[in-house]
Amino acid sequence: MASSKLQALWNHPAGPKTIHFWAPTFKWGISIANVADFTKSPEKLSYPQQIAVTCTGVIWSRYSTVITPKNWNLFSVNIVMAGTGLYQLARKIQ
């Protein structure tokens, strides 16, 4: 059963054999860096950077649900990007 699921993932049009898998996978680095900045003083955060992270997350989350094939890796990383960007903006505003 597990091998059939791995085989399905491997052969998926957005699976590890394609750029459609690896681009969002590496994009997780941006979200992880933004989470690491949660401990940074809000005064050191950049409005333009956090607005860009938030807008990118929102726009590409929507895009990932309308393309064929659906790319849930792209969707999830962009939801996290939007969330961390909004959180950082809220910290900066307060």
PDB file of N, CA and C in Angstrom:
ATOM      1  N   MET A   1       0.825  -1.194   0.000  1.00  0.00           N
ATOM      2  CA  MET A   1       0.000   0.000   0.000  1.00  0.00           C
ATOM      3  C   MET A   1       0.870   1.259   0.000  1.00  0.00           C
ATOM      4  N   ALA A   2       1.860   1.307   0.880  1.00  0.00           N
ATOM      5  CA  ALA A   2       2.733   2.481   0.952  1.00  0.00           C
ATOM      6  C   ALA A   2       3.515   2.646  -0.343  1.00  0.00           C
ATOM      7  N   SER A   3       3.958   1.530  -0.913  1.00  0.00           N
ATOM      8  CA  SER A   3       4.732   1.633  -2.154  1.00  0.00           C
ATOM      9  C   SER A   3       3.862   2.133  -3.307  1.00  0.00           C
ATOM     10  N   SER A   4       2.585   1.787  -3.318  1.00  0.00           N
ATOM     11  CA  SER A   4       1.715   2.275  -4.384  1.00  0.00           C
ATOM     12  C   SER A   4       1.473   3.780  -4.235  1.00  0.00           C
ATOM     13  N   LYS A   5       1.403   4.269  -2.992  1.00  0.00           N
ATOM     14  CA  LYS A   5       1.242   5.707  -2.773  1.00  0.00           C
ATOM     15  C   LYS A   5       2.512   6.451  -3.167  1.00  0.00           C
ATOM     16  N   LEU A   6       3.660   5.897  -2.840  1.00  0.00           N
ATOM     17  CA  LEU A   6       4.925   6.514  -3.255  1.00  0.00           C
ATOM     18  C   LEU A   6       5.068   6.506  -4.773  1.00  0.00           C
ATOM     19  N   GLN A   7       4.642   5.406  -5.397  1.00  0.00           N
ATOM     20  CA  GLN A   7       4.693   5.310  -6.857  1.00  0.00           C
ATOM     21  C   GLN A   7       3.765   6.346  -7.486  1.00  0.00           C
ATOM     22  N   ALA A   8       2.587   6.540  -6.898  1.00  0.00           N
ATOM     23  CA  ALA A   8       1.645   7.548  -7.408  1.00  0.00           C
ATOM     24  C   ALA A   8       2.231   8.953  -7.265  1.00  0.00           C
ATOM     25  N   LEU A   9       2.866   9.231  -6.122  1.00  0.00           N
ATOM     26  CA  LEU A   9       3.516  10.527  -5.925  1.00  0.00           C
ATOM     27  C   LEU A   9       4.640  10.725  -6.932  1.00  0.00           C
ATOM     28  N   TRP A  10       5.450   9.706  -7.121  1.00  0.00           N
ATOM     29  CA  TRP A  10       6.589   9.795  -8.039  1.00  0.00           C
ATOM     30  C   TRP A  10       6.130  10.094  -9.461  1.00  0.00           C
ATOM     31  N   ASN A  11       5.025   9.495  -9.876  1.00  0.00           N
ATOM     32  CA  ASN A  11       4.544   9.640 -11.252  1.00  0.00           C
ATOM     33  C   ASN A  11       3.530  10.766 -11.424  1.00  0.00           C
ATOM     34  N   HIS A  12       3.213  11.488 -10.374  1.00  0.00           N
ATOM     35  CA  HIS A  12       2.248  12.593 -10.458  1.00  0.00           C
ATOM     36  C   HIS A  12       2.809  13.695 -11.353  1.00  0.00           C
ATOM     37  N   PRO A  13       1.946  14.396 -12.119  1.00  0.00           N
ATOM     38  CA  PRO A  13       2.436  15.475 -12.982  1.00  0.00           C
ATOM     39  C   PRO A  13       3.136  16.619 -12.225  1.00  0.00           C
ATOM     40  N   ALA A  14       2.886  16.727 -10.920  1.00  0.00           N
ATOM     41  CA  ALA A  14       3.592  17.723 -10.097  1.00  0.00           C
ATOM     42  C   ALA A  14       4.471  17.011  -9.070  1.00  0.00           C
ATOM     43  N   GLY A  15       4.951  15.827  -9.421  1.00  0.00           N
ATOM     44  CA  GLY A  15       5.766  15.026  -8.514  1.00  0.00           C
ATOM     45  C   GLY A  15       7.241  15.368  -8.579  1.00  0.00           C
ATOM     46  N   PRO A  16       8.061  14.628  -7.836  1.00  0.00           N
ATOM     47  CA  PRO A  16       9.495  14.929  -7.706  1.00  0.00           C
ATOM     48  C   PRO A  16      10.304  14.876  -9.003  1.00  0.00           C
ATOM     49  N   LYS A  17       9.736  14.335 -10.060  1.00  0.00           N
ATOM     50  CA  LYS A  17      10.454  14.309 -11.341  1.00  0.00           C
ATOM     51  C   LYS A  17      10.295  15.619 -12.115  1.00  0.00           C
ATOM     52  N   THR A  18       9.559  16.594 -11.534  1.00  0.00           N
ATOM     53  CA  THR A  18       9.273  17.828 -12.261  1.00  0.00           C
ATOM     54  C   THR A  18       9.683  19.060 -11.458  1.00  0.00           C
ATOM     55  N   ILE A  19       9.825  20.159 -12.139  1.00  0.00           N
ATOM     56  CA  ILE A  19      10.116  21.443 -11.485  1.00  0.00           C
ATOM     57  C   ILE A  19       8.917  21.886 -10.652  1.00  0.00           C
ATOM     58  N   HIS A  20       7.738  21.401 -11.004  1.00  0.00           N
ATOM     59  CA  HIS A  20       6.514  21.773 -10.284  1.00  0.00           C
ATOM     60  C   HIS A  20       6.526  21.272  -8.847  1.00  0.00           C
ATOM     61  N   PHE A  21       7.383  20.347  -8.556  1.00  0.00           N
ATOM     62  CA  PHE A  21       7.573  19.858  -7.189  1.00  0.00           C
ATOM     63  C   PHE A  21       8.693  20.633  -6.494  1.00  0.00           C
ATOM     64  N   TRP A  22       9.812  20.787  -7.182  1.00  0.00           N
ATOM     65  CA  TRP A  22      11.003  21.328  -6.535  1.00  0.00           C
ATOM     66  C   TRP A  22      10.939  22.825  -6.276  1.00  0.00           C
ATOM     67  N   ALA A  23      10.306  23.595  -7.143  1.00  0.00           N
ATOM     68  CA  ALA A  23      10.217  25.051  -6.923  1.00  0.00           C
ATOM     69  C   ALA A  23       9.479  25.365  -5.619  1.00  0.00           C
ATOM     70  N   PRO A  24       8.277  24.809  -5.385  1.00  0.00           N
ATOM     71  CA  PRO A  24       7.619  25.093  -4.112  1.00  0.00           C
ATOM     72  C   PRO A  24       8.366  24.495  -2.915  1.00  0.00           C
ATOM     73  N   THR A  25       9.025  23.371  -3.121  1.00  0.00           N
ATOM     74  CA  THR A  25       9.757  22.758  -2.022  1.00  0.00           C
ATOM     75  C   THR A  25      10.866  23.689  -1.540  1.00  0.00           C
ATOM     76  N   PHE A  26      11.602  24.284  -2.464  1.00  0.00           N
ATOM     77  CA  PHE A  26      12.652  25.222  -2.068  1.00  0.00           C
ATOM     78  C   PHE A  26      12.070  26.535  -1.560  1.00  0.00           C
ATOM     79  N   LYS A  27      10.861  26.866  -1.984  1.00  0.00           N
ATOM     80  CA  LYS A  27      10.217  28.097  -1.521  1.00  0.00           C
ATOM     81  C   LYS A  27       9.893  28.021  -0.023  1.00  0.00           C
ATOM     82  N   TRP A  28       9.821  26.812   0.523  1.00  0.00           N
ATOM     83  CA  TRP A  28       9.611  26.663   1.967  1.00  0.00           C
ATOM     84  C   TRP A  28      10.703  27.376   2.745  1.00  0.00           C
ATOM     85  N   GLY A  29      11.873  27.536   2.163  1.00  0.00           N
ATOM     86  CA  GLY A  29      12.968  28.239   2.833  1.00  0.00           C
ATOM     87  C   GLY A  29      12.604  29.675   3.197  1.00  0.00           C
ATOM     88  N   ILE A  30      11.831  30.339   2.334  1.00  0.00           N
ATOM     89  CA  ILE A  30      11.397  31.705   2.619  1.00  0.00           C
ATOM     90  C   ILE A  30      10.469  31.717   3.827  1.00  0.00           C
ATOM     91  N   SER A  31       9.540  30.766   3.863  1.00  0.00           N
ATOM     92  CA  SER A  31       8.610  30.697   4.998  1.00  0.00           C
ATOM     93  C   SER A  31       9.335  30.360   6.294  1.00  0.00           C
ATOM     94  N   ILE A  32      10.294  29.463   6.222  1.00  0.00           N
ATOM     95  CA  ILE A  32      11.063  29.096   7.414  1.00  0.00           C
ATOM     96  C   ILE A  32      11.873  30.295   7.905  1.00  0.00           C
ATOM     97  N   ALA A  33      12.455  31.052   6.985  1.00  0.00           N
ATOM     98  CA  ALA A  33      13.206  32.254   7.371  1.00  0.00           C
ATOM     99  C   ALA A  33      12.278  33.277   8.018  1.00  0.00           C
ATOM    100  N   ASN A  34      11.068  33.404   7.507  1.00  0.00           N
ATOM    101  CA  ASN A  34      10.121  34.359   8.081  1.00  0.00           C
ATOM    102  C   ASN A  34       9.700  33.914   9.484  1.00  0.00           C
ATOM    103  N   VAL A  35       9.540  32.617   9.698  1.00  0.00           N
ATOM    104  CA  VAL A  35       9.224  32.107  11.040  1.00  0.00           C
ATOM    105  C   VAL A  35      10.395  32.364  11.979  1.00  0.00           C
ATOM    106  N   ALA A  36      11.613  32.189  11.494  1.00  0.00           N
ATOM    107  CA  ALA A  36      12.793  32.451  12.325  1.00  0.00           C
ATOM    108  C   ALA A  36      12.853  33.920  12.744  1.00  0.00           C
ATOM    109  N   ASP A  37      12.277  34.800  11.931  1.00  0.00           N
ATOM    110  CA  ASP A  37      12.262  36.227  12.257  1.00  0.00           C
ATOM    111  C   ASP A  37      11.188  36.596  13.286  1.00  0.00           C
ATOM    112  N   PHE A  38      10.405  35.631  13.734  1.00  0.00           N
ATOM    113  CA  PHE A  38       9.395  35.920  14.764  1.00  0.00           C
ATOM    114  C   PHE A  38      10.049  36.439  16.042  1.00  0.00           C
ATOM    115  N   THR A  39      11.287  36.070  16.279  1.00  0.00           N
ATOM    116  CA  THR A  39      11.988  36.515  17.483  1.00  0.00           C
ATOM    117  C   THR A  39      12.666  37.875  17.284  1.00  0.00           C
ATOM    118  N   LYS A  40      12.725  38.319  16.044  1.00  0.00           N
ATOM    119  CA  LYS A  40      13.363  39.607  15.718  1.00  0.00           C
ATOM    120  C   LYS A  40      12.467  40.745  16.203  1.00  0.00           C
ATOM    121  N   SER A  41      13.088  41.818  16.607  1.00  0.00           N
ATOM    122  CA  SER A  41      12.356  43.008  17.025  1.00  0.00           C
ATOM    123  C   SER A  41      11.497  43.526  15.869  1.00  0.00           C
ATOM    124  N   PRO A  42      10.224  43.874  16.133  1.00  0.00           N
ATOM    125  CA  PRO A  42       9.364  44.368  15.048  1.00  0.00           C
ATOM    126  C   PRO A  42       9.919  45.611  14.340  1.00  0.00           C
ATOM    127  N   GLU A  43      10.707  46.401  15.058  1.00  0.00           N
ATOM    128  CA  GLU A  43      11.281  47.593  14.440  1.00  0.00           C
ATOM    129  C   GLU A  43      12.258  47.239  13.313  1.00  0.00           C
ATOM    130  N   LYS A  44      12.828  46.048  13.367  1.00  0.00           N
ATOM    131  CA  LYS A  44      13.792  45.619  12.355  1.00  0.00           C
ATOM    132  C   LYS A  44      13.130  44.981  11.138  1.00  0.00           C
ATOM    133  N   LEU A  45      11.809  44.786  11.185  1.00  0.00           N
ATOM    134  CA  LEU A  45      11.097  44.184  10.067  1.00  0.00           C
ATOM    135  C   LEU A  45      10.861  45.232   8.982  1.00  0.00           C
ATOM    136  N   SER A  46      10.789  44.782   7.766  1.00  0.00           N
ATOM    137  CA  SER A  46      10.606  45.671   6.619  1.00  0.00           C
ATOM    138  C   SER A  46       9.165  45.577   6.107  1.00  0.00           C
ATOM    139  N   TYR A  47       8.493  46.735   6.035  1.00  0.00           N
ATOM    140  CA  TYR A  47       7.141  46.748   5.467  1.00  0.00           C
ATOM    141  C   TYR A  47       7.127  46.218   4.028  1.00  0.00           C
ATOM    142  N   PRO A  48       7.988  46.737   3.141  1.00  0.00           N
ATOM    143  CA  PRO A  48       7.941  46.252   1.751  1.00  0.00           C
ATOM    144  C   PRO A  48       8.180  44.746   1.635  1.00  0.00           C
ATOM    145  N   GLN A  49       9.110  44.229   2.432  1.00  0.00           N
ATOM    146  CA  GLN A  49       9.399  42.795   2.362  1.00  0.00           C
ATOM    147  C   GLN A  49       8.203  41.980   2.823  1.00  0.00           C
ATOM    148  N   GLN A  50       7.587  42.359   3.924  1.00  0.00           N
ATOM    149  CA  GLN A  50       6.467  41.584   4.454  1.00  0.00           C
ATOM    150  C   GLN A  50       5.213  41.733   3.586  1.00  0.00           C
ATOM    151  N   ILE A  51       5.029  42.895   2.983  1.00  0.00           N
ATOM    152  CA  ILE A  51       3.916  43.068   2.041  1.00  0.00           C
ATOM    153  C   ILE A  51       4.135  42.169   0.826  1.00  0.00           C
ATOM    154  N   ALA A  52       5.371  42.091   0.338  1.00  0.00           N
ATOM    155  CA  ALA A  52       5.685  41.230  -0.802  1.00  0.00           C
ATOM    156  C   ALA A  52       5.461  39.760  -0.460  1.00  0.00           C
ATOM    157  N   VAL A  53       5.902  39.336   0.717  1.00  0.00           N
ATOM    158  CA  VAL A  53       5.709  37.951   1.139  1.00  0.00           C
ATOM    159  C   VAL A  53       4.208  37.634   1.237  1.00  0.00           C
ATOM    160  N   THR A  54       3.443  38.540   1.824  1.00  0.00           N
ATOM    161  CA  THR A  54       2.002  38.326   1.981  1.00  0.00           C
ATOM    162  C   THR A  54       1.300  38.286   0.631  1.00  0.00           C
ATOM    163  N   CYS A  55       1.568  39.252  -0.219  1.00  0.00           N
ATOM    164  CA  CYS A  55       0.905  39.297  -1.532  1.00  0.00           C
ATOM    165  C   CYS A  55       1.284  38.095  -2.391  1.00  0.00           C
ATOM    166  N   THR A  56       2.550  37.713  -2.366  1.00  0.00           N
ATOM    167  CA  THR A  56       2.986  36.530  -3.100  1.00  0.00           C
ATOM    168  C   THR A  56       2.231  35.302  -2.624  1.00  0.00           C
ATOM    169  N   GLY A  57       2.106  35.166  -1.319  1.00  0.00           N
ATOM    170  CA  GLY A  57       1.387  34.019  -0.763  1.00  0.00           C
ATOM    171  C   GLY A  57      -0.063  33.975  -1.202  1.00  0.00           C
ATOM    172  N   VAL A  58      -0.735  35.111  -1.158  1.00  0.00           N
ATOM    173  CA  VAL A  58      -2.153  35.160  -1.536  1.00  0.00           C
ATOM    174  C   VAL A  58      -2.329  34.885  -3.031  1.00  0.00           C
ATOM    175  N   ILE A  59      -1.552  35.560  -3.860  1.00  0.00           N
ATOM    176  CA  ILE A  59      -1.709  35.414  -5.313  1.00  0.00           C
ATOM    177  C   ILE A  59      -1.416  33.989  -5.768  1.00  0.00           C
ATOM    178  N   TRP A  60      -0.289  33.431  -5.327  1.00  0.00           N
ATOM    179  CA  TRP A  60       0.096  32.098  -5.793  1.00  0.00           C
ATOM    180  C   TRP A  60      -0.719  30.986  -5.150  1.00  0.00           C
ATOM    181  N   SER A  61      -1.312  31.238  -3.988  1.00  0.00           N
ATOM    182  CA  SER A  61      -2.231  30.249  -3.409  1.00  0.00           C
ATOM    183  C   SER A  61      -3.433  30.087  -4.324  1.00  0.00           C
ATOM    184  N   ARG A  62      -3.967  31.203  -4.761  1.00  0.00           N
ATOM    185  CA  ARG A  62      -5.104  31.164  -5.684  1.00  0.00           C
ATOM    186  C   ARG A  62      -4.714  30.482  -6.991  1.00  0.00           C
ATOM    187  N   TYR A  63      -3.582  30.865  -7.537  1.00  0.00           N
ATOM    188  CA  TYR A  63      -3.124  30.289  -8.804  1.00  0.00           C
ATOM    189  C   TYR A  63      -2.971  28.770  -8.711  1.00  0.00           C
ATOM    190  N   SER A  64      -2.442  28.292  -7.597  1.00  0.00           N
ATOM    191  CA  SER A  64      -2.182  26.852  -7.460  1.00  0.00           C
ATOM    192  C   SER A  64      -3.463  26.025  -7.443  1.00  0.00           C
ATOM    193  N   THR A  65      -4.603  26.660  -7.196  1.00  0.00           N
ATOM    194  CA  THR A  65      -5.868  25.909  -7.188  1.00  0.00           C
ATOM    195  C   THR A  65      -6.567  25.925  -8.541  1.00  0.00           C
ATOM    196  N   VAL A  66      -6.140  26.777  -9.462  1.00  0.00           N
ATOM    197  CA  VAL A  66      -6.812  26.847 -10.766  1.00  0.00           C
ATOM    198  C   VAL A  66      -5.990  26.221 -11.895  1.00  0.00           C
ATOM    199  N   ILE A  67      -4.740  25.895 -11.637  1.00  0.00           N
ATOM    200  CA  ILE A  67      -3.919  25.267 -12.675  1.00  0.00           C
ATOM    201  C   ILE A  67      -4.199  23.770 -12.731  1.00  0.00           C
ATOM    202  N   THR A  68      -3.807  23.156 -13.826  1.00  0.00           N
ATOM    203  CA  THR A  68      -3.898  21.710 -13.974  1.00  0.00           C
ATOM    204  C   THR A  68      -2.493  21.194 -14.209  1.00  0.00           C
ATOM    205  N   PRO A  69      -2.047  20.240 -13.424  1.00  0.00           N
ATOM    206  CA  PRO A  69      -2.710  19.605 -12.285  1.00  0.00           C
ATOM    207  C   PRO A  69      -2.642  20.514 -11.052  1.00  0.00           C
ATOM    208  N   LYS A  70      -3.548  20.264 -10.129  1.00  0.00           N
ATOM    209  CA  LYS A  70      -3.526  21.006  -8.872  1.00  0.00           C
ATOM    210  C   LYS A  70      -2.184  20.727  -8.186  1.00  0.00           C
ATOM    211  N   ASN A  71      -1.562  21.780  -7.681  1.00  0.00           N
ATOM    212  CA  ASN A  71      -0.266  21.633  -7.033  1.00  0.00           C
ATOM    213  C   ASN A  71      -0.438  21.994  -5.560  1.00  0.00           C
ATOM    214  N   TRP A  72      -0.676  20.984  -4.733  1.00  0.00           N
ATOM    215  CA  TRP A  72      -0.964  21.220  -3.322  1.00  0.00           C
ATOM    216  C   TRP A  72       0.282  21.607  -2.541  1.00  0.00           C
ATOM    217  N   ASN A  73       1.449  21.232  -3.022  1.00  0.00           N
ATOM    218  CA  ASN A  73       2.695  21.676  -2.396  1.00  0.00           C
ATOM    219  C   ASN A  73       2.831  23.192  -2.568  1.00  0.00           C
ATOM    220  N   LEU A  74       2.551  23.679  -3.768  1.00  0.00           N
ATOM    221  CA  LEU A  74       2.592  25.115  -4.036  1.00  0.00           C
ATOM    222  C   LEU A  74       1.528  25.845  -3.211  1.00  0.00           C
ATOM    223  N   PHE A  75       0.350  25.265  -3.124  1.00  0.00           N
ATOM    224  CA  PHE A  75      -0.727  25.866  -2.339  1.00  0.00           C
ATOM    225  C   PHE A  75      -0.333  25.995  -0.870  1.00  0.00           C
ATOM    226  N   SER A  76       0.172  24.916  -0.291  1.00  0.00           N
ATOM    227  CA  SER A  76       0.476  24.929   1.143  1.00  0.00           C
ATOM    228  C   SER A  76       1.605  25.900   1.482  1.00  0.00           C
ATOM    229  N   VAL A  77       2.651  25.944   0.674  1.00  0.00           N
ATOM    230  CA  VAL A  77       3.755  26.861   0.978  1.00  0.00           C
ATOM    231  C   VAL A  77       3.290  28.307   0.877  1.00  0.00           C
ATOM    232  N   ASN A  78       2.408  28.600  -0.047  1.00  0.00           N
ATOM    233  CA  ASN A  78       1.948  29.975  -0.200  1.00  0.00           C
ATOM    234  C   ASN A  78       0.941  30.376   0.866  1.00  0.00           C
ATOM    235  N   ILE A  79       0.150  29.457   1.360  1.00  0.00           N
ATOM    236  CA  ILE A  79      -0.734  29.751   2.498  1.00  0.00           C
ATOM    237  C   ILE A  79       0.120  30.105   3.718  1.00  0.00           C
ATOM    238  N   VAL A  80       1.181  29.331   3.937  1.00  0.00           N
ATOM    239  CA  VAL A  80       2.083  29.606   5.057  1.00  0.00           C
ATOM    240  C   VAL A  80       2.789  30.953   4.845  1.00  0.00           C
ATOM    241  N   MET A  81       3.202  31.244   3.610  1.00  0.00           N
ATOM    242  CA  MET A  81       3.846  32.536   3.333  1.00  0.00           C
ATOM    243  C   MET A  81       2.900  33.690   3.648  1.00  0.00           C
ATOM    244  N   ALA A  82       1.661  33.584   3.201  1.00  0.00           N
ATOM    245  CA  ALA A  82       0.687  34.647   3.467  1.00  0.00           C
ATOM    246  C   ALA A  82       0.462  34.799   4.967  1.00  0.00           C
ATOM    247  N   GLY A  83       0.339  33.680   5.657  1.00  0.00           N
ATOM    248  CA  GLY A  83       0.110  33.730   7.106  1.00  0.00           C
ATOM    249  C   GLY A  83       1.268  34.341   7.871  1.00  0.00           C
ATOM    250  N   THR A  84       2.490  33.945   7.539  1.00  0.00           N
ATOM    251  CA  THR A  84       3.640  34.501   8.257  1.00  0.00           C
ATOM    252  C   THR A  84       3.832  35.974   7.914  1.00  0.00           C
ATOM    253  N   GLY A  85       3.560  36.334   6.664  1.00  0.00           N
ATOM    254  CA  GLY A  85       3.661  37.739   6.276  1.00  0.00           C
ATOM    255  C   GLY A  85       2.647  38.602   7.008  1.00  0.00           C
ATOM    256  N   LEU A  86       1.414  38.112   7.109  1.00  0.00           N
ATOM    257  CA  LEU A  86       0.382  38.859   7.845  1.00  0.00           C
ATOM    258  C   LEU A  86       0.737  38.988   9.322  1.00  0.00           C
ATOM    259  N   TYR A  87       1.250  37.907   9.884  1.00  0.00           N
ATOM    260  CA  TYR A  87       1.648  37.945  11.301  1.00  0.00           C
ATOM    261  C   TYR A  87       2.757  38.976  11.522  1.00  0.00           C
ATOM    262  N   GLN A  88       3.743  38.986  10.643  1.00  0.00           N
ATOM    263  CA  GLN A  88       4.849  39.943  10.770  1.00  0.00           C
ATOM    264  C   GLN A  88       4.355  41.386  10.573  1.00  0.00           C
ATOM    265  N   LEU A  89       3.439  41.585   9.638  1.00  0.00           N
ATOM    266  CA  LEU A  89       2.886  42.916   9.436  1.00  0.00           C
ATOM    267  C   LEU A  89       2.108  43.371  10.673  1.00  0.00           C
ATOM    268  N   ALA A  90       1.345  42.462  11.256  1.00  0.00           N
ATOM    269  CA  ALA A  90       0.596  42.804  12.473  1.00  0.00           C
ATOM    270  C   ALA A  90       1.554  43.177  13.603  1.00  0.00           C
ATOM    271  N   ARG A  91       2.648  42.440  13.740  1.00  0.00           N
ATOM    272  CA  ARG A  91       3.658  42.775  14.765  1.00  0.00           C
ATOM    273  C   ARG A  91       4.249  44.155  14.501  1.00  0.00           C
ATOM    274  N   LYS A  92       4.543  44.436  13.245  1.00  0.00           N
ATOM    275  CA  LYS A  92       5.173  45.713  12.876  1.00  0.00           C
ATOM    276  C   LYS A  92       4.204  46.872  13.127  1.00  0.00           C
ATOM    277  N   ILE A  93       2.948  46.697  12.807  1.00  0.00           N
ATOM    278  CA  ILE A  93       1.947  47.754  12.986  1.00  0.00           C
ATOM    279  C   ILE A  93       1.735  48.067  14.474  1.00  0.00           C
ATOM    280  N   GLN A  94       1.702  47.009  15.289  1.00  0.00           N
ATOM    281  CA  GLN A  94       1.509  47.210  16.729  1.00  0.00           C
ATOM    282  C   GLN A  94       2.742  47.844  17.320  1.00  0.00           C
TER     283      GLN A  94
END
